[in-house]
Protein backbone atom coordinates (compact mmCIF):
# COMPACT_ATOMS: atom_id res chain seq x y z
CA MET A 1 6.02 -7.66 39.25
CA SER A 2 7.04 -4.36 37.68
CA ARG A 3 4.91 -3.21 34.57
CA PRO A 4 6.21 -3.91 30.85
CA THR A 5 7.76 -1.04 29.17
CA ILE A 6 6.05 -0.41 25.58
CA LEU A 7 8.25 1.47 23.07
CA LEU A 8 6.14 3.56 20.57
CA GLY A 9 8.08 3.45 16.91
CA GLU A 10 5.88 6.36 15.43
CA PRO A 11 5.27 9.98 16.53
CA ASP A 12 1.64 10.23 16.46
CA VAL A 13 -0.52 7.79 18.36
CA ALA A 14 -4.12 7.97 18.39
CA PRO A 15 -5.48 8.83 21.99
CA ALA A 16 -7.65 5.51 22.60
CA ALA A 17 -4.83 3.62 21.22
CA ARG A 18 -2.47 4.89 23.97
CA ALA A 19 -4.76 4.83 26.65
CA ALA A 20 -5.11 0.69 25.71
CA LEU A 21 -1.25 0.62 26.13
CA GLU A 22 -0.90 2.69 29.34
CA ARG A 23 -3.71 0.17 31.24
CA VAL A 24 -1.08 -2.43 31.22
CA GLY A 25 2.41 -0.85 30.54
CA GLU A 26 4.66 2.29 30.72
CA VAL A 27 4.67 3.83 27.33
CA VAL A 28 7.66 5.65 25.91
CA ASP A 29 7.19 7.85 23.03
CA PHE A 30 9.17 7.83 19.62
CA GLY A 31 11.22 11.14 20.00
CA GLY A 32 12.53 10.41 16.49
CA ARG A 33 14.74 7.77 15.11
CA ALA A 34 17.97 8.59 17.41
CA ASP A 35 15.92 8.77 20.43
CA PHE A 36 14.02 5.10 19.62
CA ALA A 37 17.29 3.61 18.98
CA GLN A 38 18.76 4.74 22.25
CA ARG A 39 15.66 3.60 24.15
CA LEU A 40 15.21 0.24 22.63
CA PRO A 41 17.31 -1.64 25.61
CA LEU A 42 14.07 -0.42 27.80
CA ALA A 43 11.79 -2.20 25.57
CA ASP A 44 9.61 -5.01 26.22
CA ALA A 45 7.32 -4.13 23.32
CA ILE A 46 7.42 -2.32 20.27
CA VAL A 47 4.43 -0.85 18.36
CA VAL A 48 5.70 0.13 14.77
CA GLY A 49 3.99 1.05 11.12
CA LEU A 50 6.00 1.00 8.16
CA GLU A 51 7.56 3.95 8.73
CA LEU A 52 10.39 2.35 10.71
CA ARG A 53 12.53 -0.80 9.86
CA LEU A 54 13.36 -2.96 12.36
CA ASP A 55 16.79 -4.72 11.31
CA ALA A 56 19.02 -7.27 13.06
CA HIS A 57 21.13 -3.87 14.05
CA LEU A 58 18.53 -2.18 15.88
CA LEU A 59 16.99 -5.30 17.20
CA ALA A 60 20.26 -6.50 18.60
CA ARG A 61 19.93 -3.24 21.11
CA ALA A 62 16.65 -4.57 22.25
CA GLU A 63 17.63 -7.10 24.93
CA ARG A 64 14.38 -7.39 26.62
CA LEU A 65 12.19 -7.36 23.74
CA ARG A 66 9.46 -9.80 24.01
CA ALA A 67 6.91 -8.83 21.43
CA ILE A 68 6.54 -6.34 18.28
CA ALA A 69 3.12 -5.07 17.50
CA THR A 70 2.85 -3.68 13.64
CA ARG A 71 -0.43 -1.97 12.38
CA THR A 72 0.21 -3.52 9.02
CA SER A 73 -0.73 -6.67 7.17
CA GLN A 74 2.58 -7.43 5.73
CA LEU A 75 5.85 -7.74 7.60
CA ARG A 76 8.83 -6.49 5.06
CA HIS A 77 9.75 -3.94 7.69
CA LEU A 78 10.90 -6.54 9.95
CA ASP A 79 13.91 -8.76 10.18
CA LEU A 80 11.79 -12.06 10.61
CA THR A 81 15.15 -14.42 10.77
CA GLU A 82 16.18 -12.32 13.75
CA VAL A 83 12.72 -12.22 14.96
CA GLU A 84 12.16 -15.70 14.86
CA ARG A 85 16.03 -16.91 16.01
CA ARG A 86 15.04 -14.77 19.37
CA GLY A 87 11.71 -15.88 19.71
CA ILE A 88 9.84 -12.55 19.82
CA ALA A 89 6.20 -12.62 19.32
CA VAL A 90 5.01 -10.63 16.10
CA LEU A 91 1.60 -9.23 16.39
CA SER A 92 -0.07 -7.83 12.63
CA ILE A 93 -3.25 -7.63 10.83
CA GLU A 94 -4.53 -10.50 8.99
CA PRO A 95 -5.05 -9.35 5.43
CA GLY A 96 -8.92 -8.28 5.24
CA ALA A 97 -9.23 -8.65 8.80
CA GLY A 98 -10.36 -6.67 11.87
CA PRO A 99 -10.00 -2.77 10.97
CA LEU A 100 -9.28 -3.58 7.59
CA ARG A 101 -12.73 -4.65 6.75
CA GLU A 102 -14.18 -1.02 7.03
CA THR A 103 -11.13 0.47 5.99
CA THR A 104 -11.71 2.40 2.41
CA SER A 105 -8.58 4.39 1.85
CA THR A 106 -6.48 2.43 -0.21
CA ALA A 107 -9.66 1.99 -2.52
CA GLU A 108 -10.12 5.47 -2.59
CA ALA A 109 -6.55 6.15 -3.38
CA ALA A 110 -6.43 3.71 -6.33
CA PHE A 111 -9.62 5.88 -7.85
CA ALA A 112 -7.92 9.05 -6.83
CA LEU A 113 -4.90 8.00 -8.82
CA LEU A 114 -6.87 6.88 -11.78
CA LEU A 115 -8.71 10.34 -11.73
CA GLY A 116 -5.64 12.23 -11.56
CA LEU A 117 -3.90 10.42 -14.35
CA LEU A 118 -6.86 10.50 -17.07
CA ARG A 119 -7.38 14.30 -16.19
CA ASN A 120 -3.91 15.17 -15.78
CA LEU A 121 -4.39 16.62 -12.83
CA PRO A 122 -0.75 16.74 -11.23
CA TRP A 123 0.68 18.42 -14.38
CA ALA A 124 -1.96 20.98 -14.87
CA PHE A 125 -1.48 21.84 -11.40
CA ASP A 126 2.13 22.45 -12.25
CA ALA A 127 1.09 24.76 -15.11
CA ILE A 128 -0.90 26.82 -12.88
CA LYS A 129 2.00 27.44 -10.57
CA ALA A 130 4.48 28.33 -13.24
CA GLU A 131 1.26 30.69 -14.15
CA ARG A 132 0.31 28.79 -17.56
CA TRP A 133 -3.37 28.28 -18.38
CA GLU A 134 -3.51 25.40 -20.52
CA ARG A 135 -7.05 23.95 -20.50
CA VAL A 136 -6.87 22.27 -23.77
CA ARG A 137 -3.64 20.34 -23.28
CA TYR A 138 -4.70 19.07 -19.90
CA GLY A 139 -8.31 18.28 -20.53
CA GLY A 140 -7.93 14.58 -20.13
CA HIS A 141 -10.53 11.78 -20.52
CA GLU A 142 -14.11 10.87 -19.17
CA LEU A 143 -14.42 7.31 -17.19
CA ARG A 144 -18.04 6.74 -18.31
CA GLY A 145 -18.36 3.97 -20.93
CA ARG A 146 -14.41 3.10 -20.48
CA THR A 147 -13.65 -0.99 -19.08
CA ILE A 148 -11.59 -1.12 -15.85
CA GLY A 149 -9.82 -4.37 -15.28
CA LEU A 150 -9.63 -5.43 -11.51
CA VAL A 151 -6.21 -7.69 -11.05
CA GLY A 152 -7.20 -9.47 -7.63
CA PHE A 153 -11.14 -9.25 -6.30
CA GLY A 154 -10.81 -9.08 -2.70
CA ARG A 155 -12.05 -6.52 -0.11
CA LEU A 156 -10.15 -3.76 -2.10
CA GLY A 157 -10.92 -4.95 -5.77
CA ARG A 158 -14.50 -5.14 -4.94
CA MET A 159 -14.57 -1.56 -3.54
CA VAL A 160 -13.00 -0.26 -6.36
CA ALA A 161 -15.54 -2.32 -8.52
CA GLY A 162 -18.30 -0.17 -6.52
CA TYR A 163 -16.52 3.02 -7.19
CA ALA A 164 -16.09 2.33 -11.13
CA THR A 165 -19.64 1.34 -11.47
CA SER A 166 -20.83 4.73 -10.00
CA PHE A 167 -18.59 6.55 -12.75
CA GLY A 168 -20.76 4.12 -15.38
CA MET A 169 -17.53 1.95 -15.99
CA ARG A 170 -17.73 -1.73 -17.05
CA VAL A 171 -15.74 -3.73 -14.35
CA LEU A 172 -13.85 -6.86 -15.66
CA ALA A 173 -12.02 -8.72 -12.85
CA HIS A 174 -9.69 -11.88 -12.55
CA ASP A 175 -8.83 -13.50 -9.24
CA PRO A 176 -8.14 -17.68 -9.43
CA TYR A 177 -9.50 -17.50 -5.62
CA VAL A 178 -12.98 -16.25 -6.21
CA ALA A 179 -15.52 -18.24 -7.77
CA ALA A 180 -16.89 -16.89 -11.35
CA ALA A 181 -20.52 -16.44 -9.83
CA GLU A 182 -19.15 -14.45 -6.82
CA ILE A 183 -17.51 -12.46 -8.98
CA ALA A 184 -20.59 -12.11 -11.39
CA ALA A 185 -22.80 -11.46 -8.09
CA ALA A 186 -20.62 -8.36 -7.42
CA GLY A 187 -21.44 -6.79 -10.49
CA ALA A 188 -18.30 -7.48 -12.25
CA GLU A 189 -17.57 -9.83 -15.30
CA PRO A 190 -15.11 -12.66 -14.51
CA VAL A 191 -12.47 -13.04 -17.35
CA THR A 192 -9.00 -14.99 -17.60
CA LEU A 193 -5.81 -12.56 -16.78
CA ASP A 194 -4.95 -12.20 -20.82
CA ALA A 195 -8.39 -11.17 -21.73
CA LEU A 196 -8.44 -8.68 -18.84
CA LEU A 197 -5.31 -6.94 -20.16
CA GLY A 198 -6.46 -6.91 -23.51
CA ASP A 199 -10.15 -5.34 -23.32
CA SER A 200 -9.33 -3.01 -20.42
CA ASP A 201 -9.01 0.80 -20.61
CA VAL A 202 -7.60 0.83 -16.98
CA VAL A 203 -5.59 -2.11 -15.50
CA SER A 204 -5.87 -1.66 -11.65
CA ILE A 205 -3.84 -4.03 -9.20
CA HIS A 206 -5.55 -5.07 -6.01
CA CYS A 207 -4.00 -8.35 -5.60
CA THR A 208 -2.21 -9.85 -2.56
CA TRP A 209 1.90 -9.95 -2.73
CA SER A 210 3.24 -13.58 -2.49
CA ASP A 211 6.03 -15.48 -4.32
CA GLU A 212 3.20 -16.21 -7.00
CA THR A 213 2.33 -12.70 -7.68
CA ARG A 214 5.89 -11.32 -7.78
CA GLY A 215 6.44 -9.94 -11.39
CA LEU A 216 2.84 -10.94 -12.30
CA ILE A 217 2.76 -8.00 -14.55
CA GLY A 218 5.36 -8.27 -16.92
CA ALA A 219 6.86 -7.62 -20.28
CA ARG A 220 4.38 -10.22 -21.58
CA GLU A 221 1.39 -8.70 -20.01
CA LEU A 222 1.85 -5.12 -20.31
CA GLY A 223 2.29 -6.16 -24.11
CA LEU A 224 -1.18 -7.34 -23.95
CA MET A 225 -2.42 -4.05 -22.94
CA ARG A 226 -3.86 -1.72 -25.37
CA PRO A 227 -1.64 1.37 -26.27
CA THR A 228 -4.58 3.62 -25.18
CA ALA A 229 -4.89 1.91 -21.42
CA VAL A 230 -3.39 2.99 -18.08
CA LEU A 231 -1.92 0.85 -15.23
CA VAL A 232 -2.92 1.78 -11.60
CA ASN A 233 -0.92 -0.24 -8.90
CA THR A 234 -1.89 0.51 -5.17
CA ALA A 235 -0.98 -3.11 -4.04
CA ARG A 236 2.64 -3.52 -4.23
CA GLY A 237 5.62 -2.76 -6.21
CA GLU A 238 6.81 -5.94 -6.64
CA ILE A 239 3.90 -7.27 -8.25
CA THR A 240 4.50 -5.41 -11.56
CA ASP A 241 8.05 -5.91 -13.27
CA GLU A 242 9.27 -2.30 -12.98
CA ALA A 243 11.75 -2.44 -15.74
CA ALA A 244 9.16 -3.79 -18.07
CA LEU A 245 7.00 -1.14 -17.13
CA LEU A 246 9.58 1.66 -17.96
CA ASP A 247 9.90 0.02 -21.13
CA ALA A 248 6.23 0.14 -21.84
CA LEU A 249 6.03 3.63 -20.93
CA GLU A 250 9.12 4.67 -23.04
CA ARG A 251 8.11 2.72 -25.98
CA GLY A 252 4.43 4.24 -25.92
CA ALA A 253 3.02 0.48 -25.62
CA ILE A 254 0.83 1.82 -22.67
CA ALA A 255 -0.45 5.75 -22.25
CA GLY A 256 0.31 5.85 -18.69
CA ALA A 257 0.67 4.58 -15.06
CA ALA A 258 -0.15 5.34 -11.70
CA VAL A 259 2.15 3.92 -8.53
CA ASP A 260 1.60 4.14 -5.12
CA THR A 261 4.21 1.46 -4.27
CA LEU A 262 7.65 0.76 -5.46
CA ALA A 263 9.73 -2.30 -5.35
CA ASP A 264 12.06 -2.75 -2.34
CA GLU A 265 10.69 0.48 -0.22
CA ARG A 266 12.77 1.70 2.46
CA PRO A 267 11.22 3.93 5.45
CA ASP A 268 13.90 6.45 4.90
CA GLY A 269 13.06 6.79 1.27
CA SER A 270 16.51 5.59 0.22
CA HIS A 271 15.20 3.51 -2.60
CA LEU A 272 14.08 6.63 -4.59
CA VAL A 273 17.66 7.23 -5.51
CA GLY A 274 18.47 6.59 -9.05
CA ASN A 275 15.12 4.73 -9.36
CA PRO A 276 14.24 4.65 -13.05
CA LEU A 277 10.80 5.35 -12.61
CA VAL A 278 10.86 8.19 -10.66
CA GLY A 279 13.61 9.37 -13.11
CA TYR A 280 11.20 8.99 -15.96
CA ALA A 281 8.12 10.87 -14.08
CA ARG A 282 10.34 13.88 -13.64
CA GLU A 283 10.56 14.30 -17.26
CA HIS A 284 7.14 12.89 -18.68
CA GLU A 285 3.52 13.51 -18.11
CA ASN A 286 2.30 10.16 -18.00
CA LEU A 287 3.50 8.56 -14.73
CA ILE A 288 2.18 9.43 -11.11
CA VAL A 289 4.40 7.94 -8.26
CA LEU A 290 3.39 8.37 -4.56
CA PRO A 291 4.87 7.62 -1.16
CA HIS A 292 2.57 4.44 -0.61
CA LEU A 293 -0.29 6.75 0.44
CA GLY A 294 -2.70 4.48 0.07
CA GLY A 295 -3.50 3.40 3.62
CA ALA A 296 -2.16 6.35 5.41
CA THR A 297 -5.05 8.40 5.88
CA VAL A 298 -5.87 9.73 9.46
CA GLU A 299 -8.76 7.63 10.02
CA ALA A 300 -7.13 4.59 8.84
CA THR A 301 -4.05 4.88 10.88
CA ALA A 302 -6.21 5.64 14.19
CA ARG A 303 -8.39 2.35 13.55
CA THR A 304 -5.05 0.38 13.01
CA GLN A 305 -3.38 1.69 15.65
CA LEU A 306 -6.28 1.28 18.37
CA PHE A 307 -6.89 -2.52 16.80
CA ILE A 308 -2.93 -3.15 17.27
CA CYS A 309 -2.69 -1.63 20.41
CA GLU A 310 -5.39 -3.45 22.28
CA ARG A 311 -4.19 -6.71 20.88
CA LEU A 312 -0.75 -5.95 22.39
CA ALA A 313 -2.39 -4.95 25.75
CA ALA A 314 -3.96 -8.42 25.85
CA TRP A 315 -1.05 -10.25 24.86
CA LEU A 316 0.83 -8.32 27.58
CA GLU A 317 -1.71 -9.23 29.91
CA GLU A 318 -1.75 -12.82 29.15
CA HIS A 319 2.39 -13.22 29.04
CA ALA A 320 2.79 -11.24 32.28
């Protein structure tokens, strides 16, 4: 029986991950979006990340496709209706499992956003590039003695709690799926969501996206925050009502926000065109928007690539 053809859906794959695939099949490089689409009819399996959207149009070209391996814990970049209709296997990384347990990238990004926002780093750097020296204007605020409220106290929330404690911050946490005693044992104060919003100088979102958490932070919740407080979101854009966030920023109901993710993200960045939050950020110095960099570090990418490629290799051997 011929070896399966495995088509890569991203340009750079760690050597160890590639070696795992080459053990069981013929690996075809990405080569760019046009080349990828052209090579889809050859593919028995595909390896992708968030950078490529496999919609029904692309999947229709992959007539031989039996498996999609994605190094993500969510699947919004896949047309799951079409995948299910055709019986294509989907291999992913379960939230909090495998390589994610030792991956700190998103937690570090949350803290980087917090520091950047409170110390005005993006705008101070812009001033330097414009040859303006404005120390007083951009001095910012210390973290020590402030209160951070963590919405979600799973793997990432606990990491951020540790960082915050190291900075001398008081830590509040709300998570209906974690016992209060467990939260307290981890060094945080268990509170209701309303209490967290009202008592925090920083609200940082770390809950899992689901129908239950869609729009969790809306106009009412933002209205509970202090006008001096800031919001950090490295989870999913859909967890925050972006229209309500924009309104809160425009009215000065909160002092600022830093988001690593926007609602309805597209790998080609088309969701940025005409986006009201992006437009606001162009003109104001209290909103940071990043292109979902949380888990995009070199280390996290290599770790998740190796995990998912080894999983795909095992699947292909089992289903030879």
